[in-house]
Amino acid sequence: MNPITKSYSVRDLQRNYRAVLDAAAKSHDAVLLINNSVPEAVVLDVETYNFIVTDTFAYDERRVSKLITEARKSFRLGKAKKMKAPGEYIIPKIPLRIIDL
């Protein structure tokens, strides 16, 4: 699993919605929709959505576990740098709007 969420433009959704939905279904993870270089919405497949709605803690725990596994793998392969101190690298949060469908 790649820690960076797969993203598509809103235009891609308009022109080829099936590819966006298939990407969400295949990855069982969120697909980010971007409009004018700004995150606009997130698409989830039904199975993942139902899983999140019924047990949000389990989804977070599963995702974090996958991210930790990927980080350890990257570190073993020499692709990751070990931080000297907590907070050495701070990644800014991207504000997302939550919309009701």
PDB file of N, CA and C in Angstrom:
ATOM      1  N   MET A   1       0.834  -1.177   0.000  1.00  0.00           N
ATOM      2  CA  MET A   1       0.000   0.000   0.000  1.00  0.00           C
ATOM      3  C   MET A   1       0.876   1.236   0.000  1.00  0.00           C
ATOM      4  N   ASN A   2       0.547   2.167  -0.822  1.00  0.00           N
ATOM      5  CA  ASN A   2       1.250   3.431  -0.890  1.00  0.00           C
ATOM      6  C   ASN A   2       0.633   4.382   0.126  1.00  0.00           C
ATOM      7  N   PRO A   3       1.448   5.023   0.984  1.00  0.00           N
ATOM      8  CA  PRO A   3       0.868   5.919   1.978  1.00  0.00           C
ATOM      9  C   PRO A   3       0.224   7.164   1.378  1.00  0.00           C
ATOM     10  N   ILE A   4       0.517   7.462   0.135  1.00  0.00           N
ATOM     11  CA  ILE A   4      -0.107   8.599  -0.526  1.00  0.00           C
ATOM     12  C   ILE A   4      -1.395   8.127  -1.185  1.00  0.00           C
ATOM     13  N   THR A   5      -2.487   8.797  -0.861  1.00  0.00           N
ATOM     14  CA  THR A   5      -3.798   8.428  -1.391  1.00  0.00           C
ATOM     15  C   THR A   5      -3.849   8.689  -2.886  1.00  0.00           C
ATOM     16  N   LYS A   6      -4.423   7.750  -3.625  1.00  0.00           N
ATOM     17  CA  LYS A   6      -4.591   7.928  -5.066  1.00  0.00           C
ATOM     18  C   LYS A   6      -5.560   9.081  -5.299  1.00  0.00           C
ATOM     19  N   SER A   7      -5.268   9.916  -6.287  1.00  0.00           N
ATOM     20  CA  SER A   7      -6.135  11.073  -6.531  1.00  0.00           C
ATOM     21  C   SER A   7      -6.479  11.207  -8.008  1.00  0.00           C
ATOM     22  N   TYR A   8      -7.631  11.792  -8.240  1.00  0.00           N
ATOM     23  CA  TYR A   8      -8.118  12.086  -9.588  1.00  0.00           C
ATOM     24  C   TYR A   8      -8.681  13.503  -9.578  1.00  0.00           C
ATOM     25  N   SER A   9      -8.701  14.109 -10.743  1.00  0.00           N
ATOM     26  CA  SER A   9      -9.338  15.424 -10.837  1.00  0.00           C
ATOM     27  C   SER A   9     -10.852  15.219 -10.928  1.00  0.00           C
ATOM     28  N   VAL A  10     -11.583  16.263 -10.579  1.00  0.00           N
ATOM     29  CA  VAL A  10     -13.036  16.214 -10.696  1.00  0.00           C
ATOM     30  C   VAL A  10     -13.415  15.991 -12.166  1.00  0.00           C
ATOM     31  N   ARG A  11     -12.627  16.531 -13.062  1.00  0.00           N
ATOM     32  CA  ARG A  11     -12.861  16.348 -14.496  1.00  0.00           C
ATOM     33  C   ARG A  11     -12.759  14.868 -14.871  1.00  0.00           C
ATOM     34  N   ASP A  12     -11.783  14.163 -14.289  1.00  0.00           N
ATOM     35  CA  ASP A  12     -11.664  12.719 -14.535  1.00  0.00           C
ATOM     36  C   ASP A  12     -12.926  11.987 -14.099  1.00  0.00           C
ATOM     37  N   LEU A  13     -13.478  12.409 -12.965  1.00  0.00           N
ATOM     38  CA  LEU A  13     -14.714  11.795 -12.477  1.00  0.00           C
ATOM     39  C   LEU A  13     -15.844  12.035 -13.462  1.00  0.00           C
ATOM     40  N   GLN A  14     -15.926  13.248 -14.018  1.00  0.00           N
ATOM     41  CA  GLN A  14     -16.982  13.569 -14.973  1.00  0.00           C
ATOM     42  C   GLN A  14     -16.832  12.775 -16.266  1.00  0.00           C
ATOM     43  N   ARG A  15     -15.606  12.651 -16.732  1.00  0.00           N
ATOM     44  CA  ARG A  15     -15.366  11.997 -18.030  1.00  0.00           C
ATOM     45  C   ARG A  15     -15.293  10.478 -17.939  1.00  0.00           C
ATOM     46  N   ASN A  16     -14.757   9.970 -16.847  1.00  0.00           N
ATOM     47  CA  ASN A  16     -14.547   8.527 -16.754  1.00  0.00           C
ATOM     48  C   ASN A  16     -14.759   8.067 -15.309  1.00  0.00           C
ATOM     49  N   TYR A  17     -15.998   8.167 -14.853  1.00  0.00           N
ATOM     50  CA  TYR A  17     -16.295   7.837 -13.468  1.00  0.00           C
ATOM     51  C   TYR A  17     -15.985   6.382 -13.142  1.00  0.00           C
ATOM     52  N   ARG A  18     -16.110   5.491 -14.111  1.00  0.00           N
ATOM     53  CA  ARG A  18     -15.880   4.066 -13.865  1.00  0.00           C
ATOM     54  C   ARG A  18     -14.441   3.815 -13.408  1.00  0.00           C
ATOM     55  N   ALA A  19     -13.470   4.501 -13.982  1.00  0.00           N
ATOM     56  CA  ALA A  19     -12.066   4.313 -13.581  1.00  0.00           C
ATOM     57  C   ALA A  19     -11.854   4.755 -12.135  1.00  0.00           C
ATOM     58  N   VAL A  20     -12.497   5.840 -11.728  1.00  0.00           N
ATOM     59  CA  VAL A  20     -12.383   6.335 -10.354  1.00  0.00           C
ATOM     60  C   VAL A  20     -13.010   5.340  -9.383  1.00  0.00           C
ATOM     61  N   LEU A  21     -14.205   4.858  -9.709  1.00  0.00           N
ATOM     62  CA  LEU A  21     -14.878   3.883  -8.847  1.00  0.00           C
ATOM     63  C   LEU A  21     -14.107   2.571  -8.777  1.00  0.00           C
ATOM     64  N   ASP A  22     -13.557   2.141  -9.900  1.00  0.00           N
ATOM     65  CA  ASP A  22     -12.764   0.914  -9.912  1.00  0.00           C
ATOM     66  C   ASP A  22     -11.505   1.055  -9.061  1.00  0.00           C
ATOM     67  N   ALA A  23     -10.880   2.238  -9.095  1.00  0.00           N
ATOM     68  CA  ALA A  23      -9.681   2.475  -8.282  1.00  0.00           C
ATOM     69  C   ALA A  23     -10.026   2.382  -6.795  1.00  0.00           C
ATOM     70  N   ALA A  24     -11.164   2.944  -6.411  1.00  0.00           N
ATOM     71  CA  ALA A  24     -11.598   2.878  -5.007  1.00  0.00           C
ATOM     72  C   ALA A  24     -11.903   1.436  -4.610  1.00  0.00           C
ATOM     73  N   ALA A  25     -12.582   0.712  -5.478  1.00  0.00           N
ATOM     74  CA  ALA A  25     -12.941  -0.681  -5.182  1.00  0.00           C
ATOM     75  C   ALA A  25     -11.695  -1.569  -5.119  1.00  0.00           C
ATOM     76  N   LYS A  26     -10.755  -1.342  -6.020  1.00  0.00           N
ATOM     77  CA  LYS A  26      -9.549  -2.171  -6.074  1.00  0.00           C
ATOM     78  C   LYS A  26      -8.652  -1.953  -4.857  1.00  0.00           C
ATOM     79  N   SER A  27      -8.500  -0.700  -4.449  1.00  0.00           N
ATOM     80  CA  SER A  27      -7.589  -0.388  -3.352  1.00  0.00           C
ATOM     81  C   SER A  27      -8.216  -0.560  -1.974  1.00  0.00           C
ATOM     82  N   HIS A  28      -9.556  -0.590  -1.909  1.00  0.00           N
ATOM     83  CA  HIS A  28     -10.275  -0.617  -0.623  1.00  0.00           C
ATOM     84  C   HIS A  28      -9.795   0.525   0.266  1.00  0.00           C
ATOM     85  N   ASP A  29      -9.535   1.658  -0.367  1.00  0.00           N
ATOM     86  CA  ASP A  29      -9.058   2.839   0.339  1.00  0.00           C
ATOM     87  C   ASP A  29      -9.698   4.066  -0.299  1.00  0.00           C
ATOM     88  N   ALA A  30      -9.496   5.197   0.309  1.00  0.00           N
ATOM     89  CA  ALA A  30     -10.077   6.438  -0.203  1.00  0.00           C
ATOM     90  C   ALA A  30      -9.407   6.863  -1.508  1.00  0.00           C
ATOM     91  N   VAL A  31     -10.192   7.437  -2.407  1.00  0.00           N
ATOM     92  CA  VAL A  31      -9.685   8.066  -3.620  1.00  0.00           C
ATOM     93  C   VAL A  31     -10.032   9.541  -3.503  1.00  0.00           C
ATOM     94  N   LEU A  32      -9.020  10.376  -3.602  1.00  0.00           N
ATOM     95  CA  LEU A  32      -9.182  11.811  -3.426  1.00  0.00           C
ATOM     96  C   LEU A  32      -9.543  12.476  -4.742  1.00  0.00           C
ATOM     97  N   LEU A  33     -10.572  13.341  -4.719  1.00  0.00           N
ATOM     98  CA  LEU A  33     -10.952  14.110  -5.898  1.00  0.00           C
ATOM     99  C   LEU A  33     -10.449  15.532  -5.717  1.00  0.00           C
ATOM    100  N   ILE A  34      -9.742  16.028  -6.737  1.00  0.00           N
ATOM    101  CA  ILE A  34      -9.122  17.345  -6.664  1.00  0.00           C
ATOM    102  C   ILE A  34      -9.760  18.270  -7.696  1.00  0.00           C
ATOM    103  N   ASN A  35     -10.098  19.490  -7.259  1.00  0.00           N
ATOM    104  CA  ASN A  35     -10.679  20.506  -8.134  1.00  0.00           C
ATOM    105  C   ASN A  35      -9.824  21.763  -8.041  1.00  0.00           C
ATOM    106  N   ASN A  36      -9.234  22.178  -9.152  1.00  0.00           N
ATOM    107  CA  ASN A  36      -8.352  23.362  -9.182  1.00  0.00           C
ATOM    108  C   ASN A  36      -7.247  23.269  -8.137  1.00  0.00           C
ATOM    109  N   SER A  37      -6.587  22.131  -8.084  1.00  0.00           N
ATOM    110  CA  SER A  37      -5.462  21.859  -7.179  1.00  0.00           C
ATOM    111  C   SER A  37      -5.838  21.878  -5.700  1.00  0.00           C
ATOM    112  N   VAL A  38      -7.121  21.772  -5.399  1.00  0.00           N
ATOM    113  CA  VAL A  38      -7.598  21.762  -4.016  1.00  0.00           C
ATOM    114  C   VAL A  38      -8.407  20.491  -3.797  1.00  0.00           C
ATOM    115  N   PRO A  39      -8.123  19.750  -2.715  1.00  0.00           N
ATOM    116  CA  PRO A  39      -8.934  18.558  -2.426  1.00  0.00           C
ATOM    117  C   PRO A  39     -10.404  18.933  -2.292  1.00  0.00           C
ATOM    118  N   GLU A  40     -11.255  18.205  -3.015  1.00  0.00           N
ATOM    119  CA  GLU A  40     -12.686  18.536  -3.065  1.00  0.00           C
ATOM    120  C   GLU A  40     -13.545  17.496  -2.352  1.00  0.00           C
ATOM    121  N   ALA A  41     -13.230  16.213  -2.570  1.00  0.00           N
ATOM    122  CA  ALA A  41     -14.063  15.149  -2.007  1.00  0.00           C
ATOM    123  C   ALA A  41     -13.264  13.850  -1.972  1.00  0.00           C
ATOM    124  N   VAL A  42     -13.858  12.851  -1.318  1.00  0.00           N
ATOM    125  CA  VAL A  42     -13.247  11.532  -1.218  1.00  0.00           C
ATOM    126  C   VAL A  42     -14.271  10.500  -1.666  1.00  0.00           C
ATOM    127  N   VAL A  43     -13.816   9.514  -2.436  1.00  0.00           N
ATOM    128  CA  VAL A  43     -14.680   8.430  -2.903  1.00  0.00           C
ATOM    129  C   VAL A  43     -14.224   7.136  -2.240  1.00  0.00           C
ATOM    130  N   LEU A  44     -15.183   6.400  -1.703  1.00  0.00           N
ATOM    131  CA  LEU A  44     -14.924   5.091  -1.104  1.00  0.00           C
ATOM    132  C   LEU A  44     -15.824   4.049  -1.754  1.00  0.00           C
ATOM    133  N   ASP A  45     -15.342   2.811  -1.826  1.00  0.00           N
ATOM    134  CA  ASP A  45     -16.240   1.755  -2.289  1.00  0.00           C
ATOM    135  C   ASP A  45     -17.205   1.417  -1.147  1.00  0.00           C
ATOM    136  N   VAL A  46     -18.312   0.790  -1.464  1.00  0.00           N
ATOM    137  CA  VAL A  46     -19.370   0.523  -0.489  1.00  0.00           C
ATOM    138  C   VAL A  46     -18.874  -0.357   0.652  1.00  0.00           C
ATOM    139  N   GLU A  47     -18.097  -1.360   0.359  1.00  0.00           N
ATOM    140  CA  GLU A  47     -17.594  -2.263   1.398  1.00  0.00           C
ATOM    141  C   GLU A  47     -16.764  -1.498   2.435  1.00  0.00           C
ATOM    142  N   THR A  48     -15.847  -0.652   1.980  1.00  0.00           N
ATOM    143  CA  THR A  48     -15.016   0.130   2.892  1.00  0.00           C
ATOM    144  C   THR A  48     -15.853   1.129   3.671  1.00  0.00           C
ATOM    145  N   TYR A  49     -16.795   1.775   3.007  1.00  0.00           N
ATOM    146  CA  TYR A  49     -17.673   2.732   3.675  1.00  0.00           C
ATOM    147  C   TYR A  49     -18.459   2.057   4.804  1.00  0.00           C
ATOM    148  N   ASN A  50     -19.062   0.908   4.507  1.00  0.00           N
ATOM    149  CA  ASN A  50     -19.823   0.183   5.530  1.00  0.00           C
ATOM    150  C   ASN A  50     -18.929  -0.233   6.693  1.00  0.00           C
ATOM    151  N   PHE A  51     -17.714  -0.622   6.382  1.00  0.00           N
ATOM    152  CA  PHE A  51     -16.761  -1.008   7.418  1.00  0.00           C
ATOM    153  C   PHE A  51     -16.441   0.180   8.315  1.00  0.00           C
ATOM    154  N   ILE A  52     -16.233   1.355   7.730  1.00  0.00           N
ATOM    155  CA  ILE A  52     -15.932   2.563   8.501  1.00  0.00           C
ATOM    156  C   ILE A  52     -17.123   2.967   9.358  1.00  0.00           C
ATOM    157  N   VAL A  53     -18.301   2.918   8.776  1.00  0.00           N
ATOM    158  CA  VAL A  53     -19.503   3.335   9.507  1.00  0.00           C
ATOM    159  C   VAL A  53     -19.769   2.435  10.704  1.00  0.00           C
ATOM    160  N   THR A  54     -19.553   1.149  10.546  1.00  0.00           N
ATOM    161  CA  THR A  54     -19.850   0.226  11.637  1.00  0.00           C
ATOM    162  C   THR A  54     -18.756   0.179  12.693  1.00  0.00           C
ATOM    163  N   ASP A  55     -17.500   0.405  12.298  1.00  0.00           N
ATOM    164  CA  ASP A  55     -16.404   0.330  13.271  1.00  0.00           C
ATOM    165  C   ASP A  55     -15.239   1.203  12.812  1.00  0.00           C
ATOM    166  N   THR A  56     -15.277   2.474  13.144  1.00  0.00           N
ATOM    167  CA  THR A  56     -14.230   3.396  12.693  1.00  0.00           C
ATOM    168  C   THR A  56     -12.881   3.058  13.302  1.00  0.00           C
ATOM    169  N   PHE A  57     -12.842   2.576  14.525  1.00  0.00           N
ATOM    170  CA  PHE A  57     -11.567   2.250  15.150  1.00  0.00           C
ATOM    171  C   PHE A  57     -10.838   1.142  14.390  1.00  0.00           C
ATOM    172  N   ALA A  58     -11.555   0.128  13.968  1.00  0.00           N
ATOM    173  CA  ALA A  58     -10.941  -0.989  13.244  1.00  0.00           C
ATOM    174  C   ALA A  58     -10.338  -0.517  11.927  1.00  0.00           C
ATOM    175  N   TYR A  59     -11.018   0.393  11.230  1.00  0.00           N
ATOM    176  CA  TYR A  59     -10.475   0.896   9.959  1.00  0.00           C
ATOM    177  C   TYR A  59      -9.197   1.676  10.212  1.00  0.00           C
ATOM    178  N   ASP A  60      -9.211   2.568  11.198  1.00  0.00           N
ATOM    179  CA  ASP A  60      -8.015   3.353  11.507  1.00  0.00           C
ATOM    180  C   ASP A  60      -6.865   2.450  11.906  1.00  0.00           C
ATOM    181  N   GLU A  61      -7.166   1.465  12.725  1.00  0.00           N
ATOM    182  CA  GLU A  61      -6.136   0.540  13.187  1.00  0.00           C
ATOM    183  C   GLU A  61      -5.553  -0.243  12.002  1.00  0.00           C
ATOM    184  N   ARG A  62      -6.402  -0.695  11.094  1.00  0.00           N
ATOM    185  CA  ARG A  62      -5.937  -1.444   9.926  1.00  0.00           C
ATOM    186  C   ARG A  62      -5.070  -0.578   9.026  1.00  0.00           C
ATOM    187  N   ARG A  63      -5.502   0.665   8.793  1.00  0.00           N
ATOM    188  CA  ARG A  63      -4.743   1.568   7.922  1.00  0.00           C
ATOM    189  C   ARG A  63      -3.389   1.924   8.535  1.00  0.00           C
ATOM    190  N   VAL A  64      -3.376   2.221   9.820  1.00  0.00           N
ATOM    191  CA  VAL A  64      -2.120   2.553  10.494  1.00  0.00           C
ATOM    192  C   VAL A  64      -1.183   1.354  10.476  1.00  0.00           C
ATOM    193  N   SER A  65      -1.725   0.173  10.680  1.00  0.00           N
ATOM    194  CA  SER A  65      -0.908  -1.039  10.636  1.00  0.00           C
ATOM    195  C   SER A  65      -0.259  -1.217   9.267  1.00  0.00           C
ATOM    196  N   LYS A  66      -1.016  -0.973   8.203  1.00  0.00           N
ATOM    197  CA  LYS A  66      -0.458  -1.072   6.848  1.00  0.00           C
ATOM    198  C   LYS A  66       0.627  -0.026   6.625  1.00  0.00           C
ATOM    199  N   LEU A  67       0.396   1.191   7.097  1.00  0.00           N
ATOM    200  CA  LEU A  67       1.385   2.260   6.930  1.00  0.00           C
ATOM    201  C   LEU A  67       2.676   1.943   7.680  1.00  0.00           C
ATOM    202  N   ILE A  68       2.554   1.386   8.879  1.00  0.00           N
ATOM    203  CA  ILE A  68       3.739   1.018   9.653  1.00  0.00           C
ATOM    204  C   ILE A  68       4.510  -0.086   8.951  1.00  0.00           C
ATOM    205  N   THR A  69       3.792  -1.066   8.408  1.00  0.00           N
ATOM    206  CA  THR A  69       4.446  -2.157   7.679  1.00  0.00           C
ATOM    207  C   THR A  69       5.204  -1.620   6.475  1.00  0.00           C
ATOM    208  N   GLU A  70       4.581  -0.704   5.716  1.00  0.00           N
ATOM    209  CA  GLU A  70       5.244  -0.105   4.554  1.00  0.00           C
ATOM    210  C   GLU A  70       6.462   0.714   4.975  1.00  0.00           C
ATOM    211  N   ALA A  71       6.350   1.456   6.067  1.00  0.00           N
ATOM    212  CA  ALA A  71       7.469   2.270   6.542  1.00  0.00           C
ATOM    213  C   ALA A  71       8.646   1.387   6.949  1.00  0.00           C
ATOM    214  N   ARG A  72       8.361   0.310   7.649  1.00  0.00           N
ATOM    215  CA  ARG A  72       9.431  -0.610   8.052  1.00  0.00           C
ATOM    216  C   ARG A  72      10.109  -1.237   6.833  1.00  0.00           C
ATOM    217  N   LYS A  73       9.312  -1.595   5.850  1.00  0.00           N
ATOM    218  CA  LYS A  73       9.858  -2.177   4.621  1.00  0.00           C
ATOM    219  C   LYS A  73      10.765  -1.171   3.911  1.00  0.00           C
ATOM    220  N   SER A  74      10.300   0.077   3.792  1.00  0.00           N
ATOM    221  CA  SER A  74      11.104   1.122   3.156  1.00  0.00           C
ATOM    222  C   SER A  74      12.398   1.362   3.925  1.00  0.00           C
ATOM    223  N   PHE A  75      12.320   1.342   5.255  1.00  0.00           N
ATOM    224  CA  PHE A  75      13.509   1.555   6.075  1.00  0.00           C
ATOM    225  C   PHE A  75      14.515   0.432   5.852  1.00  0.00           C
ATOM    226  N   ARG A  76      14.024  -0.816   5.827  1.00  0.00           N
ATOM    227  CA  ARG A  76      14.920  -1.960   5.604  1.00  0.00           C
ATOM    228  C   ARG A  76      15.598  -1.887   4.244  1.00  0.00           C
ATOM    229  N   LEU A  77      14.891  -1.353   3.244  1.00  0.00           N
ATOM    230  CA  LEU A  77      15.447  -1.246   1.899  1.00  0.00           C
ATOM    231  C   LEU A  77      16.309   0.002   1.722  1.00  0.00           C
ATOM    232  N   GLY A  78      16.424   0.810   2.774  1.00  0.00           N
ATOM    233  CA  GLY A  78      17.249   2.013   2.706  1.00  0.00           C
ATOM    234  C   GLY A  78      16.576   3.186   2.017  1.00  0.00           C
ATOM    235  N   LYS A  79      15.269   3.130   1.863  1.00  0.00           N
ATOM    236  CA  LYS A  79      14.539   4.195   1.181  1.00  0.00           C
ATOM    237  C   LYS A  79      14.000   5.248   2.146  1.00  0.00           C
ATOM    238  N   ALA A  80      14.074   4.984   3.434  1.00  0.00           N
ATOM    239  CA  ALA A  80      13.521   5.909   4.422  1.00  0.00           C
ATOM    240  C   ALA A  80      14.634   6.393   5.344  1.00  0.00           C
ATOM    241  N   LYS A  81      14.455   7.584   5.878  1.00  0.00           N
ATOM    242  CA  LYS A  81      15.423   8.176   6.776  1.00  0.00           C
ATOM    243  C   LYS A  81      14.862   8.117   8.197  1.00  0.00           C
ATOM    244  N   LYS A  82      15.669   7.691   9.149  1.00  0.00           N
ATOM    245  CA  LYS A  82      15.236   7.641  10.531  1.00  0.00           C
ATOM    246  C   LYS A  82      15.305   9.049  11.117  1.00  0.00           C
ATOM    247  N   MET A  83      14.228   9.459  11.778  1.00  0.00           N
ATOM    248  CA  MET A  83      14.176  10.793  12.377  1.00  0.00           C
ATOM    249  C   MET A  83      15.062  10.848  13.616  1.00  0.00           C
ATOM    250  N   LYS A  84      15.701  11.993  13.801  1.00  0.00           N
ATOM    251  CA  LYS A  84      16.548  12.182  14.974  1.00  0.00           C
ATOM    252  C   LYS A  84      15.718  12.465  16.216  1.00  0.00           C
ATOM    253  N   ALA A  85      14.627  13.202  16.025  1.00  0.00           N
ATOM    254  CA  ALA A  85      13.774  13.570  17.158  1.00  0.00           C
ATOM    255  C   ALA A  85      12.317  13.603  16.703  1.00  0.00           C
ATOM    256  N   PRO A  86      11.392  13.333  17.607  1.00  0.00           N
ATOM    257  CA  PRO A  86       9.973  13.422  17.225  1.00  0.00           C
ATOM    258  C   PRO A  86       9.634  14.837  16.760  1.00  0.00           C
ATOM    259  N   GLY A  87       8.867  14.922  15.707  1.00  0.00           N
ATOM    260  CA  GLY A  87       8.463  16.231  15.182  1.00  0.00           C
ATOM    261  C   GLY A  87       9.500  16.877  14.300  1.00  0.00           C
ATOM    262  N   GLU A  88      10.578  16.156  13.970  1.00  0.00           N
ATOM    263  CA  GLU A  88      11.621  16.736  13.127  1.00  0.00           C
ATOM    264  C   GLU A  88      11.056  17.100  11.752  1.00  0.00           C
ATOM    265  N   TYR A  89      10.208  16.246  11.242  1.00  0.00           N
ATOM    266  CA  TYR A  89       9.575  16.494   9.961  1.00  0.00           C
ATOM    267  C   TYR A  89       8.081  16.622  10.203  1.00  0.00           C
ATOM    268  N   ILE A  90       7.561  17.788  10.016  1.00  0.00           N
ATOM    269  CA  ILE A  90       6.134  18.010  10.228  1.00  0.00           C
ATOM    270  C   ILE A  90       5.485  18.214   8.870  1.00  0.00           C
ATOM    271  N   ILE A  91       4.509  17.368   8.568  1.00  0.00           N
ATOM    272  CA  ILE A  91       3.790  17.453   7.307  1.00  0.00           C
ATOM    273  C   ILE A  91       2.510  18.240   7.556  1.00  0.00           C
ATOM    274  N   PRO A  92       2.298  19.346   6.832  1.00  0.00           N
ATOM    275  CA  PRO A  92       1.078  20.133   7.065  1.00  0.00           C
ATOM    276  C   PRO A  92      -0.163  19.361   6.638  1.00  0.00           C
ATOM    277  N   LYS A  93      -1.238  19.557   7.376  1.00  0.00           N
ATOM    278  CA  LYS A  93      -2.499  18.918   7.027  1.00  0.00           C
ATOM    279  C   LYS A  93      -3.158  19.687   5.905  1.00  0.00           C
ATOM    280  N   ILE A  94      -3.796  18.957   4.987  1.00  0.00           N
ATOM    281  CA  ILE A  94      -4.526  19.572   3.887  1.00  0.00           C
ATOM    282  C   ILE A  94      -5.975  19.645   4.306  1.00  0.00           C
ATOM    283  N   PRO A  95      -6.554  20.852   4.337  1.00  0.00           N
ATOM    284  CA  PRO A  95      -7.965  20.934   4.740  1.00  0.00           C
ATOM    285  C   PRO A  95      -8.878  20.284   3.697  1.00  0.00           C
ATOM    286  N   LEU A  96      -9.808  19.492   4.167  1.00  0.00           N
ATOM    287  CA  LEU A  96     -10.770  18.830   3.283  1.00  0.00           C
ATOM    288  C   LEU A  96     -12.172  19.253   3.662  1.00  0.00           C
ATOM    289  N   ARG A  97     -12.993  19.454   2.669  1.00  0.00           N
ATOM    290  CA  ARG A  97     -14.403  19.742   2.920  1.00  0.00           C
ATOM    291  C   ARG A  97     -15.164  18.436   2.905  1.00  0.00           C
ATOM    292  N   ILE A  98     -16.010  18.231   3.875  1.00  0.00           N
ATOM    293  CA  ILE A  98     -16.861  17.046   3.910  1.00  0.00           C
ATOM    294  C   ILE A  98     -18.190  17.448   3.336  1.00  0.00           C
ATOM    295  N   ILE A  99     -18.634  16.699   2.323  1.00  0.00           N
ATOM    296  CA  ILE A  99     -19.907  17.027   1.686  1.00  0.00           C
ATOM    297  C   ILE A  99     -20.870  15.866   1.857  1.00  0.00           C
ATOM    298  N   ASP A 100     -22.129  16.184   1.941  1.00  0.00           N
ATOM    299  CA  ASP A 100     -23.170  15.165   2.000  1.00  0.00           C
ATOM    300  C   ASP A 100     -23.635  14.864   0.596  1.00  0.00           C
ATOM    301  N   LEU A 101     -23.753  13.600   0.289  1.00  0.00           N
ATOM    302  CA  LEU A 101     -24.233  13.209  -1.039  1.00  0.00           C
ATOM    303  C   LEU A 101     -25.692  12.841  -0.983  1.00  0.00           C
TER     304      LEU A 101
END
